[in-house]
């Protein structure tokens, strides 16, 4: 259980039920920063990385990724949508 940060571009939360959600919003992720002109080093050079949206991915304790119906990553999620997914995953 707990939190992990990922290169100043997102975070991962693992819940007691064994499910994990990844929330990423840096260069290359499906978010506003996807094609940032400063490239992969963009997030590491920032004190704080900001974005209007983020991508999420979810997997279980065995590493099986959740299927959102057409992909294993859900792109361009608002803060409200991310919060809804965090609540869902925590309650599974």
PDB file of N, CA and C in Angstrom:
ATOM      1  N   UNK A   1       0.842  -1.186   0.000  1.00  0.00           N
ATOM      2  CA  UNK A   1       0.000   0.000   0.000  1.00  0.00           C
ATOM      3  C   UNK A   1       0.874   1.232   0.000  1.00  0.00           C
ATOM      4  N   UNK A   2       0.361   2.297  -0.555  1.00  0.00           N
ATOM      5  CA  UNK A   2       1.069   3.546  -0.464  1.00  0.00           C
ATOM      6  C   UNK A   2       1.201   4.286  -1.766  1.00  0.00           C
ATOM      7  N   UNK A   3       2.161   5.213  -1.763  1.00  0.00           N
ATOM      8  CA  UNK A   3       2.376   6.132  -2.873  1.00  0.00           C
ATOM      9  C   UNK A   3       3.781   5.972  -3.433  1.00  0.00           C
ATOM     10  N   UNK A   4       3.926   6.272  -4.720  1.00  0.00           N
ATOM     11  CA  UNK A   4       5.227   6.386  -5.369  1.00  0.00           C
ATOM     12  C   UNK A   4       5.150   7.582  -6.308  1.00  0.00           C
ATOM     13  N   UNK A   5       6.235   8.341  -6.391  1.00  0.00           N
ATOM     14  CA  UNK A   5       6.278   9.406  -7.392  1.00  0.00           C
ATOM     15  C   UNK A   5       7.073   8.903  -8.590  1.00  0.00           C
ATOM     16  N   UNK A   6       6.800   9.475  -9.742  1.00  0.00           N
ATOM     17  CA  UNK A   6       7.454   9.007 -10.953  1.00  0.00           C
ATOM     18  C   UNK A   6       8.057  10.182 -11.712  1.00  0.00           C
ATOM     19  N   UNK A   7       9.321  10.459 -11.434  1.00  0.00           N
ATOM     20  CA  UNK A   7      10.124  11.429 -12.174  1.00  0.00           C
ATOM     21  C   UNK A   7       9.476  12.808 -12.305  1.00  0.00           C
ATOM     22  N   UNK A   8       8.806  13.270 -11.270  1.00  0.00           N
ATOM     23  CA  UNK A   8       8.168  14.590 -11.267  1.00  0.00           C
ATOM     24  C   UNK A   8       7.164  14.748 -12.404  1.00  0.00           C
ATOM     25  N   UNK A   9       6.533  13.624 -12.801  1.00  0.00           N
ATOM     26  CA  UNK A   9       5.531  13.715 -13.857  1.00  0.00           C
ATOM     27  C   UNK A   9       4.276  12.924 -13.534  1.00  0.00           C
ATOM     28  N   UNK A  10       4.199  12.442 -12.318  1.00  0.00           N
ATOM     29  CA  UNK A  10       3.011  11.703 -11.933  1.00  0.00           C
ATOM     30  C   UNK A  10       3.224  10.935 -10.653  1.00  0.00           C
ATOM     31  N   UNK A  11       2.246  10.077 -10.364  1.00  0.00           N
ATOM     32  CA  UNK A  11       2.313   9.286  -9.139  1.00  0.00           C
ATOM     33  C   UNK A  11       1.555   7.979  -9.314  1.00  0.00           C
ATOM     34  N   UNK A  12       1.822   7.061  -8.401  1.00  0.00           N
ATOM     35  CA  UNK A  12       1.179   5.751  -8.377  1.00  0.00           C
ATOM     36  C   UNK A  12       0.655   5.530  -6.967  1.00  0.00           C
ATOM     37  N   UNK A  13      -0.554   4.996  -6.862  1.00  0.00           N
ATOM     38  CA  UNK A  13      -1.151   4.653  -5.571  1.00  0.00           C
ATOM     39  C   UNK A  13      -1.523   3.179  -5.587  1.00  0.00           C
ATOM     40  N   UNK A  14      -1.117   2.451  -4.542  1.00  0.00           N
ATOM     41  CA  UNK A  14      -1.496   1.042  -4.389  1.00  0.00           C
ATOM     42  C   UNK A  14      -2.335   0.919  -3.130  1.00  0.00           C
ATOM     43  N   UNK A  15      -3.484   0.249  -3.271  1.00  0.00           N
ATOM     44  CA  UNK A  15      -4.446   0.141  -2.186  1.00  0.00           C
ATOM     45  C   UNK A  15      -4.362  -1.220  -1.495  1.00  0.00           C
ATOM     46  N   UNK A  16      -4.949  -1.314  -0.321  1.00  0.00           N
ATOM     47  CA  UNK A  16      -4.936  -2.547   0.464  1.00  0.00           C
ATOM     48  C   UNK A  16      -5.561  -3.712  -0.290  1.00  0.00           C
ATOM     49  N   UNK A  17      -6.451  -3.427  -1.230  1.00  0.00           N
ATOM     50  CA  UNK A  17      -7.101  -4.487  -2.007  1.00  0.00           C
ATOM     51  C   UNK A  17      -6.201  -5.057  -3.109  1.00  0.00           C
ATOM     52  N   UNK A  18      -4.974  -4.501  -3.231  1.00  0.00           N
ATOM     53  CA  UNK A  18      -4.028  -5.008  -4.215  1.00  0.00           C
ATOM     54  C   UNK A  18      -4.048  -4.293  -5.549  1.00  0.00           C
ATOM     55  N   UNK A  19      -5.004  -3.403  -5.766  1.00  0.00           N
ATOM     56  CA  UNK A  19      -5.098  -2.661  -7.029  1.00  0.00           C
ATOM     57  C   UNK A  19      -4.223  -1.420  -6.975  1.00  0.00           C
ATOM     58  N   UNK A  20      -3.664  -1.060  -8.134  1.00  0.00           N
ATOM     59  CA  UNK A  20      -2.799   0.115  -8.270  1.00  0.00           C
ATOM     60  C   UNK A  20      -3.340   1.007  -9.379  1.00  0.00           C
ATOM     61  N   UNK A  21      -3.274   2.322  -9.152  1.00  0.00           N
ATOM     62  CA  UNK A  21      -3.605   3.294 -10.197  1.00  0.00           C
ATOM     63  C   UNK A  21      -2.402   4.198 -10.411  1.00  0.00           C
ATOM     64  N   UNK A  22      -2.082   4.416 -11.676  1.00  0.00           N
ATOM     65  CA  UNK A  22      -1.015   5.315 -12.082  1.00  0.00           C
ATOM     66  C   UNK A  22      -1.645   6.550 -12.699  1.00  0.00           C
ATOM     67  N   UNK A  23      -1.196   7.726 -12.267  1.00  0.00           N
ATOM     68  CA  UNK A  23      -1.673   9.000 -12.793  1.00  0.00           C
ATOM     69  C   UNK A  23      -0.442   9.752 -13.305  1.00  0.00           C
ATOM     70  N   UNK A  24      -0.359   9.943 -14.616  1.00  0.00           N
ATOM     71  CA  UNK A  24       0.837  10.536 -15.232  1.00  0.00           C
ATOM     72  C   UNK A  24       0.455  11.745 -16.077  1.00  0.00           C
ATOM     73  N   UNK A  25       1.289  12.789 -16.001  1.00  0.00           N
ATOM     74  CA  UNK A  25       0.972  14.018 -16.731  1.00  0.00           C
ATOM     75  C   UNK A  25       2.223  14.743 -17.225  1.00  0.00           C
ATOM     76  N   UNK A  26       3.221  13.999 -17.621  1.00  0.00           N
ATOM     77  CA  UNK A  26       4.456  14.575 -18.141  1.00  0.00           C
ATOM     78  C   UNK A  26       4.578  14.393 -19.643  1.00  0.00           C
ATOM     79  N   UNK A  27       5.750  14.752 -20.159  1.00  0.00           N
ATOM     80  CA  UNK A  27       6.019  14.612 -21.579  1.00  0.00           C
ATOM     81  C   UNK A  27       5.833  13.154 -22.005  1.00  0.00           C
ATOM     82  N   UNK A  28       5.178  12.952 -23.125  1.00  0.00           N
ATOM     83  CA  UNK A  28       4.966  11.612 -23.640  1.00  0.00           C
ATOM     84  C   UNK A  28       3.717  10.928 -23.105  1.00  0.00           C
ATOM     85  N   UNK A  29       3.162  11.433 -22.010  1.00  0.00           N
ATOM     86  CA  UNK A  29       1.917  10.882 -21.488  1.00  0.00           C
ATOM     87  C   UNK A  29       0.739  11.493 -22.242  1.00  0.00           C
ATOM     88  N   UNK A  30      -0.394  10.812 -22.212  1.00  0.00           N
ATOM     89  CA  UNK A  30      -1.592  11.307 -22.903  1.00  0.00           C
ATOM     90  C   UNK A  30      -2.237  12.414 -22.071  1.00  0.00           C
ATOM     91  N   UNK A  31      -1.673  13.638 -22.215  1.00  0.00           N
ATOM     92  CA  UNK A  31      -2.120  14.801 -21.453  1.00  0.00           C
ATOM     93  C   UNK A  31      -1.658  16.059 -22.192  1.00  0.00           C
ATOM     94  N   UNK A  32      -1.929  17.223 -21.606  1.00  0.00           N
ATOM     95  CA  UNK A  32      -1.522  18.492 -22.210  1.00  0.00           C
ATOM     96  C   UNK A  32      -0.023  18.565 -22.495  1.00  0.00           C
ATOM     97  N   UNK A  33       0.792  17.896 -21.697  1.00  0.00           N
ATOM     98  CA  UNK A  33       2.248  17.952 -21.855  1.00  0.00           C
ATOM     99  C   UNK A  33       2.797  16.920 -22.834  1.00  0.00           C
ATOM    100  N   UNK A  34       1.942  16.182 -23.489  1.00  0.00           N
ATOM    101  CA  UNK A  34       2.370  15.066 -24.348  1.00  0.00           C
ATOM    102  C   UNK A  34       3.500  15.436 -25.312  1.00  0.00           C
ATOM    103  N   UNK A  35       3.386  16.555 -25.989  1.00  0.00           N
ATOM    104  CA  UNK A  35       4.374  16.961 -26.988  1.00  0.00           C
ATOM    105  C   UNK A  35       5.123  18.232 -26.580  1.00  0.00           C
ATOM    106  N   UNK A  36       5.372  18.374 -25.288  1.00  0.00           N
ATOM    107  CA  UNK A  36       6.056  19.580 -24.793  1.00  0.00           C
ATOM    108  C   UNK A  36       7.371  19.772 -25.556  1.00  0.00           C
ATOM    109  N   UNK A  37       7.678  21.007 -25.966  1.00  0.00           N
ATOM    110  CA  UNK A  37       8.879  21.242 -26.777  1.00  0.00           C
ATOM    111  C   UNK A  37      10.201  20.916 -26.080  1.00  0.00           C
ATOM    112  N   UNK A  38      10.220  20.834 -24.754  1.00  0.00           N
ATOM    113  CA  UNK A  38      11.462  20.521 -24.034  1.00  0.00           C
ATOM    114  C   UNK A  38      11.705  19.028 -23.896  1.00  0.00           C
ATOM    115  N   UNK A  39      10.821  18.202 -24.424  1.00  0.00           N
ATOM    116  CA  UNK A  39      11.041  16.763 -24.472  1.00  0.00           C
ATOM    117  C   UNK A  39      11.019  16.061 -23.132  1.00  0.00           C
ATOM    118  N   UNK A  40      11.685  14.892 -23.102  1.00  0.00           N
ATOM    119  CA  UNK A  40      11.627  14.031 -21.927  1.00  0.00           C
ATOM    120  C   UNK A  40      12.206  14.672 -20.671  1.00  0.00           C
ATOM    121  N   UNK A  41      13.139  15.583 -20.813  1.00  0.00           N
ATOM    122  CA  UNK A  41      13.729  16.232 -19.647  1.00  0.00           C
ATOM    123  C   UNK A  41      12.846  17.297 -19.035  1.00  0.00           C
ATOM    124  N   UNK A  42      11.746  17.613 -19.697  1.00  0.00           N
ATOM    125  CA  UNK A  42      10.849  18.681 -19.253  1.00  0.00           C
ATOM    126  C   UNK A  42      10.471  18.560 -17.783  1.00  0.00           C
ATOM    127  N   UNK A  43       9.935  17.425 -17.375  1.00  0.00           N
ATOM    128  CA  UNK A  43       9.437  17.274 -16.007  1.00  0.00           C
ATOM    129  C   UNK A  43      10.555  17.331 -14.978  1.00  0.00           C
ATOM    130  N   UNK A  44      11.707  16.754 -15.291  1.00  0.00           N
ATOM    131  CA  UNK A  44      12.808  16.733 -14.344  1.00  0.00           C
ATOM    132  C   UNK A  44      13.376  18.136 -14.098  1.00  0.00           C
ATOM    133  N   UNK A  45      13.206  19.040 -15.050  1.00  0.00           N
ATOM    134  CA  UNK A  45      13.730  20.398 -14.918  1.00  0.00           C
ATOM    135  C   UNK A  45      12.769  21.323 -14.181  1.00  0.00           C
ATOM    136  N   UNK A  46      11.566  20.863 -13.923  1.00  0.00           N
ATOM    137  CA  UNK A  46      10.549  21.684 -13.279  1.00  0.00           C
ATOM    138  C   UNK A  46      10.563  21.458 -11.767  1.00  0.00           C
ATOM    139  N   UNK A  47      10.326  22.521 -11.001  1.00  0.00           N
ATOM    140  CA  UNK A  47      10.107  22.336  -9.570  1.00  0.00           C
ATOM    141  C   UNK A  47       8.749  21.668  -9.366  1.00  0.00           C
ATOM    142  N   UNK A  48       7.777  22.114 -10.159  1.00  0.00           N
ATOM    143  CA  UNK A  48       6.430  21.549 -10.137  1.00  0.00           C
ATOM    144  C   UNK A  48       5.993  21.347 -11.580  1.00  0.00           C
ATOM    145  N   UNK A  49       5.516  20.161 -11.910  1.00  0.00           N
ATOM    146  CA  UNK A  49       4.972  19.895 -13.240  1.00  0.00           C
ATOM    147  C   UNK A  49       3.454  20.013 -13.159  1.00  0.00           C
ATOM    148  N   UNK A  50       2.868  20.782 -14.061  1.00  0.00           N
ATOM    149  CA  UNK A  50       1.426  21.002 -14.066  1.00  0.00           C
ATOM    150  C   UNK A  50       0.818  20.573 -15.390  1.00  0.00           C
ATOM    151  N   UNK A  51      -0.451  20.183 -15.341  1.00  0.00           N
ATOM    152  CA  UNK A  51      -1.203  19.836 -16.532  1.00  0.00           C
ATOM    153  C   UNK A  51      -2.688  19.963 -16.225  1.00  0.00           C
ATOM    154  N   UNK A  52      -3.481  20.243 -17.233  1.00  0.00           N
ATOM    155  CA  UNK A  52      -4.937  20.318 -17.063  1.00  0.00           C
ATOM    156  C   UNK A  52      -5.576  18.936 -17.038  1.00  0.00           C
ATOM    157  N   UNK A  53      -4.835  17.922 -17.489  1.00  0.00           N
ATOM    158  CA  UNK A  53      -5.374  16.574 -17.529  1.00  0.00           C
ATOM    159  C   UNK A  53      -4.242  15.566 -17.379  1.00  0.00           C
ATOM    160  N   UNK A  54      -4.598  14.298 -17.325  1.00  0.00           N
ATOM    161  CA  UNK A  54      -3.611  13.235 -17.090  1.00  0.00           C
ATOM    162  C   UNK A  54      -4.087  11.941 -17.719  1.00  0.00           C
ATOM    163  N   UNK A  55      -3.146  11.014 -17.886  1.00  0.00           N
ATOM    164  CA  UNK A  55      -3.515   9.659 -18.286  1.00  0.00           C
ATOM    165  C   UNK A  55      -3.526   8.793 -17.038  1.00  0.00           C
ATOM    166  N   UNK A  56      -4.356   7.751 -17.069  1.00  0.00           N
ATOM    167  CA  UNK A  56      -4.364   6.792 -15.968  1.00  0.00           C
ATOM    168  C   UNK A  56      -4.196   5.376 -16.514  1.00  0.00           C
ATOM    169  N   UNK A  57      -3.636   4.533 -15.679  1.00  0.00           N
ATOM    170  CA  UNK A  57      -3.546   3.101 -15.937  1.00  0.00           C
ATOM    171  C   UNK A  57      -3.800   2.411 -14.605  1.00  0.00           C
ATOM    172  N   UNK A  58      -4.369   1.217 -14.674  1.00  0.00           N
ATOM    173  CA  UNK A  58      -4.754   0.472 -13.465  1.00  0.00           C
ATOM    174  C   UNK A  58      -4.333  -0.976 -13.636  1.00  0.00           C
ATOM    175  N   UNK A  59      -3.790  -1.579 -12.564  1.00  0.00           N
ATOM    176  CA  UNK A  59      -3.464  -3.006 -12.607  1.00  0.00           C
ATOM    177  C   UNK A  59      -3.681  -3.635 -11.241  1.00  0.00           C
ATOM    178  N   UNK A  60      -3.842  -4.949 -11.258  1.00  0.00           N
ATOM    179  CA  UNK A  60      -4.101  -5.686 -10.014  1.00  0.00           C
ATOM    180  C   UNK A  60      -2.798  -6.191  -9.401  1.00  0.00           C
ATOM    181  N   UNK A  61      -2.916  -6.906  -8.283  1.00  0.00           N
ATOM    182  CA  UNK A  61      -1.737  -7.380  -7.547  1.00  0.00           C
ATOM    183  C   UNK A  61      -0.896  -8.356  -8.351  1.00  0.00           C
ATOM    184  N   UNK A  62      -1.473  -8.972  -9.373  1.00  0.00           N
ATOM    185  CA  UNK A  62      -0.745  -9.908 -10.225  1.00  0.00           C
ATOM    186  C   UNK A  62      -0.156  -9.234 -11.468  1.00  0.00           C
ATOM    187  N   UNK A  63      -0.324  -7.924 -11.578  1.00  0.00           N
ATOM    188  CA  UNK A  63       0.208  -7.197 -12.725  1.00  0.00           C
ATOM    189  C   UNK A  63      -0.682  -7.222 -13.948  1.00  0.00           C
ATOM    190  N   UNK A  64      -1.909  -7.718 -13.797  1.00  0.00           N
ATOM    191  CA  UNK A  64      -2.871  -7.729 -14.912  1.00  0.00           C
ATOM    192  C   UNK A  64      -3.478  -6.334 -15.051  1.00  0.00           C
ATOM    193  N   UNK A  65      -3.318  -5.750 -16.226  1.00  0.00           N
ATOM    194  CA  UNK A  65      -3.796  -4.393 -16.459  1.00  0.00           C
ATOM    195  C   UNK A  65      -5.302  -4.371 -16.726  1.00  0.00           C
ATOM    196  N   UNK A  66      -5.948  -3.357 -16.197  1.00  0.00           N
ATOM    197  CA  UNK A  66      -7.369  -3.118 -16.423  1.00  0.00           C
ATOM    198  C   UNK A  66      -7.566  -2.695 -17.879  1.00  0.00           C
ATOM    199  N   UNK A  67      -8.599  -3.187 -18.496  1.00  0.00           N
ATOM    200  CA  UNK A  67      -8.918  -2.837 -19.881  1.00  0.00           C
ATOM    201  C   UNK A  67     -10.071  -1.834 -19.880  1.00  0.00           C
ATOM    202  N   UNK A  68      -9.809  -0.646 -20.395  1.00  0.00           N
ATOM    203  CA  UNK A  68     -10.826   0.402 -20.440  1.00  0.00           C
ATOM    204  C   UNK A  68     -11.778   0.228 -21.621  1.00  0.00           C
ATOM    205  N   UNK A  69     -11.686  -0.888 -22.311  1.00  0.00           N
ATOM    206  CA  UNK A  69     -12.574  -1.168 -23.430  1.00  0.00           C
ATOM    207  C   UNK A  69     -11.873  -1.109 -24.765  1.00  0.00           C
ATOM    208  N   UNK A  70     -10.926  -0.202 -24.896  1.00  0.00           N
ATOM    209  CA  UNK A  70     -10.183  -0.107 -26.144  1.00  0.00           C
ATOM    210  C   UNK A  70      -8.688   0.113 -25.913  1.00  0.00           C
ATOM    211  N   UNK A  71      -8.287   0.193 -24.665  1.00  0.00           N
ATOM    212  CA  UNK A  71      -6.885   0.452 -24.347  1.00  0.00           C
ATOM    213  C   UNK A  71      -6.646   0.159 -22.875  1.00  0.00           C
ATOM    214  N   UNK A  72      -5.377   0.037 -22.507  1.00  0.00           N
ATOM    215  CA  UNK A  72      -5.006  -0.161 -21.111  1.00  0.00           C
ATOM    216  C   UNK A  72      -4.620   1.152 -20.444  1.00  0.00           C
ATOM    217  N   UNK A  73      -4.671   2.239 -21.199  1.00  0.00           N
ATOM    218  CA  UNK A  73      -4.421   3.576 -20.678  1.00  0.00           C
ATOM    219  C   UNK A  73      -5.617   4.449 -21.045  1.00  0.00           C
ATOM    220  N   UNK A  74      -6.101   5.218 -20.080  1.00  0.00           N
ATOM    221  CA  UNK A  74      -7.219   6.139 -20.337  1.00  0.00           C
ATOM    222  C   UNK A  74      -6.642   7.549 -20.395  1.00  0.00           C
ATOM    223  N   UNK A  75      -6.785   8.182 -21.553  1.00  0.00           N
ATOM    224  CA  UNK A  75      -6.120   9.451 -21.848  1.00  0.00           C
ATOM    225  C   UNK A  75      -6.945  10.668 -21.454  1.00  0.00           C
ATOM    226  N   UNK A  76      -6.233  11.776 -21.246  1.00  0.00           N
ATOM    227  CA  UNK A  76      -6.806  13.108 -21.103  1.00  0.00           C
ATOM    228  C   UNK A  76      -7.943  13.169 -20.077  1.00  0.00           C
ATOM    229  N   UNK A  77      -7.687  12.661 -18.886  1.00  0.00           N
ATOM    230  CA  UNK A  77      -8.668  12.659 -17.808  1.00  0.00           C
ATOM    231  C   UNK A  77      -8.556  13.936 -16.984  1.00  0.00           C
ATOM    232  N   UNK A  78      -9.694  14.545 -16.674  1.00  0.00           N
ATOM    233  CA  UNK A  78      -9.707  15.735 -15.823  1.00  0.00           C
ATOM    234  C   UNK A  78      -9.450  15.337 -14.373  1.00  0.00           C
ATOM    235  N   UNK A  79      -9.219  16.314 -13.520  1.00  0.00           N
ATOM    236  CA  UNK A  79      -9.016  16.042 -12.095  1.00  0.00           C
ATOM    237  C   UNK A  79     -10.225  15.324 -11.495  1.00  0.00           C
ATOM    238  N   UNK A  80     -11.415  15.726 -11.905  1.00  0.00           N
ATOM    239  CA  UNK A  80     -12.631  15.085 -11.395  1.00  0.00           C
ATOM    240  C   UNK A  80     -12.716  13.626 -11.839  1.00  0.00           C
ATOM    241  N   UNK A  81     -12.363  13.359 -13.090  1.00  0.00           N
ATOM    242  CA  UNK A  81     -12.390  11.983 -13.592  1.00  0.00           C
ATOM    243  C   UNK A  81     -11.336  11.120 -12.896  1.00  0.00           C
ATOM    244  N   UNK A  82     -10.151  11.675 -12.676  1.00  0.00           N
ATOM    245  CA  UNK A  82      -9.107  10.936 -11.952  1.00  0.00           C
ATOM    246  C   UNK A  82      -9.590  10.605 -10.545  1.00  0.00           C
ATOM    247  N   UNK A  83     -10.204  11.571  -9.875  1.00  0.00           N
ATOM    248  CA  UNK A  83     -10.718  11.334  -8.517  1.00  0.00           C
ATOM    249  C   UNK A  83     -11.769  10.226  -8.514  1.00  0.00           C
ATOM    250  N   UNK A  84     -12.633  10.197  -9.504  1.00  0.00           N
ATOM    251  CA  UNK A  84     -13.647   9.140  -9.600  1.00  0.00           C
ATOM    252  C   UNK A  84     -12.982   7.778  -9.767  1.00  0.00           C
ATOM    253  N   UNK A  85     -11.956   7.690 -10.624  1.00  0.00           N
ATOM    254  CA  UNK A  85     -11.260   6.413 -10.819  1.00  0.00           C
ATOM    255  C   UNK A  85     -10.514   5.985  -9.569  1.00  0.00           C
ATOM    256  N   UNK A  86      -9.905   6.925  -8.865  1.00  0.00           N
ATOM    257  CA  UNK A  86      -9.213   6.583  -7.612  1.00  0.00           C
ATOM    258  C   UNK A  86     -10.212   5.969  -6.629  1.00  0.00           C
ATOM    259  N   UNK A  87     -11.381   6.584  -6.500  1.00  0.00           N
ATOM    260  CA  UNK A  87     -12.406   6.037  -5.599  1.00  0.00           C
ATOM    261  C   UNK A  87     -12.866   4.658  -6.026  1.00  0.00           C
ATOM    262  N   UNK A  88     -13.057   4.443  -7.334  1.00  0.00           N
ATOM    263  CA  UNK A  88     -13.479   3.137  -7.830  1.00  0.00           C
ATOM    264  C   UNK A  88     -12.435   2.078  -7.495  1.00  0.00           C
ATOM    265  N   UNK A  89     -11.177   2.366  -7.834  1.00  0.00           N
ATOM    266  CA  UNK A  89     -10.111   1.394  -7.631  1.00  0.00           C
ATOM    267  C   UNK A  89      -9.943   1.066  -6.145  1.00  0.00           C
ATOM    268  N   UNK A  90     -10.044   2.067  -5.292  1.00  0.00           N
ATOM    269  CA  UNK A  90      -9.908   1.845  -3.853  1.00  0.00           C
ATOM    270  C   UNK A  90     -10.997   0.944  -3.301  1.00  0.00           C
ATOM    271  N   UNK A  91     -12.171   0.951  -3.948  1.00  0.00           N
ATOM    272  CA  UNK A  91     -13.306   0.172  -3.433  1.00  0.00           C
ATOM    273  C   UNK A  91     -13.446  -1.214  -4.051  1.00  0.00           C
ATOM    274  N   UNK A  92     -12.613  -1.558  -5.047  1.00  0.00           N
ATOM    275  CA  UNK A  92     -12.714  -2.875  -5.687  1.00  0.00           C
ATOM    276  C   UNK A  92     -12.267  -3.973  -4.754  1.00  0.00           C
TER     277      UNK A  92
END
